């Protein structure tokens, strides 16, 4: 009986090893398109669990959060609520969006925003599209419309959090900016600006103009969509 149990265990380990190698081979041959979303999660979890079958965990995460992006954007608290107690699992999942965001940010640095606006939007969308709370961010530009820095201004939306135009103008002067892009997200999934969005945008543009700094754009991120005030003709 002991031999039999050992054989079954070894057989299971051999099956897992073969499954893992097949997934790795498929990924190396075909990249992301060769794998289902749960298989990508499996690859991330292999390093945490060298022998365990991680497919059930991967599928459970996808069912609960609804998509691969939502799993990777989930907070530590949300993951722990799924009874994931291992810090190693949380690190394996959370490090992916952090690395991707850093790569996208680097791709925007030193580039003319006018000519590379889509790169900036990809970076901002990656950073904000799955956030469950509204956030206001500021991207500061130099005289050549290149990104100087990107930073959080407020947690909470334009209408929910106190956003003072004078503070934005002061911060732009501190970093030596020639232009500013305001970005905030709509967790509702609708990118259209509210009346409050429009009012505060005009107030910020006036405050910046008094110190000879331009409001390059105000962008609202909603999922994979965005609304640009400049593209919509709502900025001079």
Protein backbone atom coordinates (compact mmCIF):
# COMPACT_ATOMS: atom_id res chain seq x y z
CA UNK A 1 0.00 0.00 0.00
CA UNK A 2 2.79 2.41 0.83
CA UNK A 3 4.44 1.77 -2.49
CA UNK A 4 1.15 2.35 -4.26
CA UNK A 5 0.57 5.70 -2.54
CA UNK A 6 4.12 6.78 -3.31
CA UNK A 7 3.68 5.81 -6.94
CA UNK A 8 0.49 7.83 -7.23
CA UNK A 9 2.20 10.84 -5.67
CA UNK A 10 5.17 10.55 -7.99
CA UNK A 11 2.82 10.11 -10.94
CA UNK A 12 0.98 13.30 -9.96
CA UNK A 13 4.25 15.21 -9.65
CA UNK A 14 5.38 13.93 -13.04
CA UNK A 15 2.07 15.06 -14.57
CA UNK A 16 2.47 18.54 -13.05
CA UNK A 17 6.04 18.81 -14.28
CA UNK A 18 4.94 17.84 -17.78
CA UNK A 19 2.01 20.28 -17.72
CA UNK A 20 4.23 23.13 -16.61
CA UNK A 21 6.83 22.45 -19.27
CA UNK A 22 4.15 22.27 -21.96
CA UNK A 23 2.80 25.68 -20.90
CA UNK A 24 6.29 27.17 -20.93
CA UNK A 25 6.98 25.71 -24.38
CA UNK A 26 3.70 27.06 -25.78
CA UNK A 27 4.44 30.49 -24.37
CA UNK A 28 7.98 30.53 -25.80
CA UNK A 29 6.68 29.49 -29.21
CA UNK A 30 3.59 31.69 -29.42
CA UNK A 31 3.73 34.32 -26.69
CA UNK A 32 0.59 35.63 -24.98
CA UNK A 33 -1.71 34.59 -27.82
CA UNK A 34 -0.85 30.93 -27.29
CA UNK A 35 -2.23 30.85 -23.75
CA UNK A 36 -5.62 31.29 -22.12
CA UNK A 37 -5.87 33.88 -19.35
CA UNK A 38 -5.91 31.26 -16.60
CA UNK A 39 -2.76 29.71 -18.08
CA UNK A 40 -0.96 33.05 -17.85
CA UNK A 41 -1.90 33.14 -14.18
CA UNK A 42 -0.62 29.60 -13.82
CA UNK A 43 2.77 30.67 -15.18
CA UNK A 44 2.92 33.46 -12.62
CA UNK A 45 2.06 31.08 -9.80
CA UNK A 46 4.50 28.31 -10.77
CA UNK A 47 7.37 30.06 -8.98
CA UNK A 48 5.34 30.28 -5.77
CA UNK A 49 4.20 26.65 -5.78
CA UNK A 50 6.92 24.43 -7.31
CA UNK A 51 4.75 21.28 -7.29
CA UNK A 52 1.16 22.25 -6.50
CA UNK A 53 -1.56 22.23 -9.14
CA UNK A 54 -2.30 25.97 -9.42
CA UNK A 55 -4.93 25.73 -12.17
CA UNK A 56 -7.88 25.73 -9.70
CA UNK A 57 -6.56 28.88 -8.01
CA UNK A 58 -6.02 30.62 -11.36
CA UNK A 59 -9.54 29.79 -12.55
CA UNK A 60 -11.07 30.80 -9.21
CA UNK A 61 -9.39 34.21 -9.39
CA UNK A 62 -10.60 34.79 -12.94
CA UNK A 63 -14.18 33.84 -12.11
CA UNK A 64 -14.24 36.11 -9.07
CA UNK A 65 -12.63 39.20 -10.62
CA UNK A 66 -13.90 38.75 -14.16
CA UNK A 67 -10.73 39.25 -16.20
CA UNK A 68 -6.96 38.86 -16.12
CA UNK A 69 -6.50 42.63 -15.88
CA UNK A 70 -8.86 42.83 -12.92
CA UNK A 71 -6.97 40.04 -11.12
CA UNK A 72 -3.64 41.80 -11.59
CA UNK A 73 -5.16 45.13 -10.53
CA UNK A 74 -6.83 43.73 -7.40
CA UNK A 75 -5.65 45.17 -4.11
CA UNK A 76 -3.92 43.13 -1.43
CA UNK A 77 -7.10 43.33 0.64
CA UNK A 78 -9.21 41.98 -2.23
CA UNK A 79 -6.79 39.10 -2.81
CA UNK A 80 -6.67 38.20 0.87
CA UNK A 81 -10.48 38.22 0.93
CA UNK A 82 -10.19 35.37 -1.59
CA UNK A 83 -8.41 33.44 1.20
CA UNK A 84 -5.03 33.96 -0.42
CA UNK A 85 -2.79 34.19 2.63
CA UNK A 86 0.58 33.72 0.95
CA UNK A 87 2.57 36.94 0.62
CA UNK A 88 4.49 35.27 -2.21
CA UNK A 89 1.29 34.88 -4.27
CA UNK A 90 0.34 38.52 -3.75
CA UNK A 91 3.82 39.69 -4.73
CA UNK A 92 3.79 37.48 -7.85
CA UNK A 93 0.50 39.03 -8.97
CA UNK A 94 1.10 42.64 -7.95
CA UNK A 95 4.61 42.93 -9.40
CA UNK A 96 3.30 42.48 -12.96
CA UNK A 97 1.26 45.72 -13.26
CA UNK A 98 3.98 47.62 -11.41
CA UNK A 99 6.62 46.47 -13.90
CA UNK A 100 4.33 47.15 -16.86
CA UNK A 101 3.52 50.64 -15.60
CA UNK A 102 7.21 51.44 -15.13
CA UNK A 103 7.98 50.27 -18.66
CA UNK A 104 5.17 52.37 -20.13
CA UNK A 105 6.27 55.40 -18.12
CA UNK A 106 9.82 55.05 -19.39
CA UNK A 107 8.49 54.88 -22.95
CA UNK A 108 6.90 58.33 -22.43
CA UNK A 109 9.89 60.06 -20.89
CA UNK A 110 11.87 62.34 -23.16
CA UNK A 111 9.25 62.24 -25.92
CA UNK A 112 7.12 65.00 -27.40
CA UNK A 113 3.63 64.39 -26.03
CA UNK A 114 2.04 65.91 -29.13
CA UNK A 115 3.69 63.30 -31.37
CA UNK A 116 3.41 60.44 -28.87
CA UNK A 117 0.03 61.14 -27.29
CA UNK A 118 -1.12 57.54 -27.73
CA UNK A 119 1.90 56.28 -25.71
CA UNK A 120 0.96 58.61 -22.87
CA UNK A 121 -2.66 57.45 -22.99
CA UNK A 122 -1.57 53.81 -22.90
CA UNK A 123 0.51 54.51 -19.81
CA UNK A 124 -2.26 56.45 -18.06
CA UNK A 125 -4.89 53.85 -18.97
CA UNK A 126 -2.70 51.08 -17.59
CA UNK A 127 -2.26 53.04 -14.39
CA UNK A 128 -5.89 54.02 -13.81
CA UNK A 129 -8.34 51.93 -15.80
CA UNK A 130 -9.03 49.27 -13.16
CA UNK A 131 -8.96 51.53 -10.11
CA UNK A 132 -12.06 51.21 -7.97
CA UNK A 133 -11.77 54.73 -6.55
CA UNK A 134 -11.31 57.98 -8.43
CA UNK A 135 -7.85 59.49 -8.57
CA UNK A 136 -6.59 62.80 -9.91
CA UNK A 137 -3.07 62.81 -11.39
CA UNK A 138 -0.94 65.56 -12.88
CA UNK A 139 1.55 65.15 -15.71
CA UNK A 140 3.96 68.06 -16.00
CA UNK A 141 5.54 68.99 -19.34
CA UNK A 142 8.63 71.02 -20.24
CA UNK A 143 8.87 73.65 -22.95
CA UNK A 144 9.27 70.92 -25.60
CA UNK A 145 6.10 69.12 -24.42
CA UNK A 146 8.18 66.31 -22.94
CA UNK A 147 7.12 64.63 -19.70
CA UNK A 148 8.92 66.05 -16.68
CA UNK A 149 7.09 64.01 -14.08
CA UNK A 150 3.78 62.32 -13.30
CA UNK A 151 2.34 62.34 -9.80
CA UNK A 152 -0.82 61.75 -7.82
CA UNK A 153 -2.63 64.95 -6.86
CA UNK A 154 -5.73 63.69 -5.05
CA UNK A 155 -7.55 60.48 -4.29
CA UNK A 156 -11.18 61.04 -5.15
CA UNK A 157 -12.70 62.51 -8.26
CA UNK A 158 -12.75 66.09 -9.47
CA UNK A 159 -16.19 66.50 -7.92
CA UNK A 160 -15.53 64.30 -4.85
CA UNK A 161 -12.15 65.55 -3.63
CA UNK A 162 -11.12 69.17 -3.09
CA UNK A 163 -9.11 70.15 -6.17
CA UNK A 164 -7.82 73.71 -5.92
CA UNK A 165 -6.60 75.35 -9.15
CA UNK A 166 -4.16 77.50 -7.19
CA UNK A 167 -2.47 74.41 -5.74
CA UNK A 168 -1.99 72.94 -9.20
CA UNK A 169 -0.48 76.21 -10.48
CA UNK A 170 1.85 76.34 -7.45
CA UNK A 171 3.00 72.75 -7.98
CA UNK A 172 3.60 73.38 -11.69
CA UNK A 173 5.87 76.30 -10.78
CA UNK A 174 7.73 74.18 -8.24
CA UNK A 175 8.65 71.53 -10.82
CA UNK A 176 9.44 74.10 -13.51
CA UNK A 177 6.67 72.97 -15.84
CA UNK A 178 5.60 74.79 -18.98
CA UNK A 179 2.44 72.73 -19.36
CA UNK A 180 0.15 70.45 -17.39
CA UNK A 181 -2.09 67.52 -18.22
CA UNK A 182 -4.81 66.67 -15.70
CA UNK A 183 -5.89 63.03 -15.62
CA UNK A 184 -8.57 61.36 -13.58
CA UNK A 185 -10.53 58.13 -13.87
CA UNK A 186 -14.23 57.31 -13.85
CA UNK A 187 -14.72 53.88 -12.22
CA UNK A 188 -18.28 53.96 -13.55
CA UNK A 189 -16.90 53.07 -16.97
CA UNK A 190 -18.21 56.21 -18.68
CA UNK A 191 -15.57 58.62 -19.92
CA UNK A 192 -17.86 61.57 -20.64
CA UNK A 193 -17.08 64.67 -18.52
CA UNK A 194 -19.56 65.88 -15.95
CA UNK A 195 -20.59 69.50 -15.52
CA UNK A 196 -18.21 69.67 -12.53
CA UNK A 197 -15.38 68.31 -14.69
CA UNK A 198 -15.94 71.10 -17.20
CA UNK A 199 -16.15 73.86 -14.59
CA UNK A 200 -12.99 72.87 -12.74
CA UNK A 201 -11.08 72.44 -16.01
CA UNK A 202 -11.78 76.04 -16.98
CA UNK A 203 -10.82 77.24 -13.49
CA UNK A 204 -7.53 75.33 -13.61
CA UNK A 205 -6.75 76.68 -17.09
CA UNK A 206 -7.24 80.26 -15.82
CA UNK A 207 -5.10 79.68 -12.71
CA UNK A 208 -2.27 78.25 -14.81
CA UNK A 209 -2.52 81.09 -17.34
CA UNK A 210 -1.86 83.65 -14.59
CA UNK A 211 1.62 82.13 -14.12
CA UNK A 212 2.16 81.64 -17.87
CA UNK A 213 1.71 77.87 -17.83
CA UNK A 214 -0.57 76.11 -20.28
CA UNK A 215 -3.19 73.45 -19.62
CA UNK A 216 -2.25 71.00 -22.34
CA UNK A 217 -5.20 68.66 -21.72
CA UNK A 218 -7.60 67.15 -19.24
CA UNK A 219 -8.06 63.42 -19.84
CA UNK A 220 -10.71 61.19 -18.28
CA UNK A 221 -9.89 57.47 -18.19
CA UNK A 222 -12.73 54.93 -18.04
CA UNK A 223 -11.71 51.32 -18.57
CA UNK A 224 -10.09 51.06 -21.98
CA UNK A 225 -11.65 54.34 -23.13
CA UNK A 226 -10.61 57.93 -22.57
CA UNK A 227 -11.99 61.41 -23.17
CA UNK A 228 -9.62 64.25 -24.11
CA UNK A 229 -10.82 67.82 -23.55
CA UNK A 230 -8.35 69.04 -26.16
CA UNK A 231 -9.42 66.56 -28.81
CA UNK A 232 -13.05 67.44 -28.08
CA UNK A 233 -12.30 71.14 -28.65
CA UNK A 234 -13.04 72.12 -25.04
CA UNK A 235 -9.67 73.81 -24.50
CA UNK A 236 -8.27 76.83 -26.37
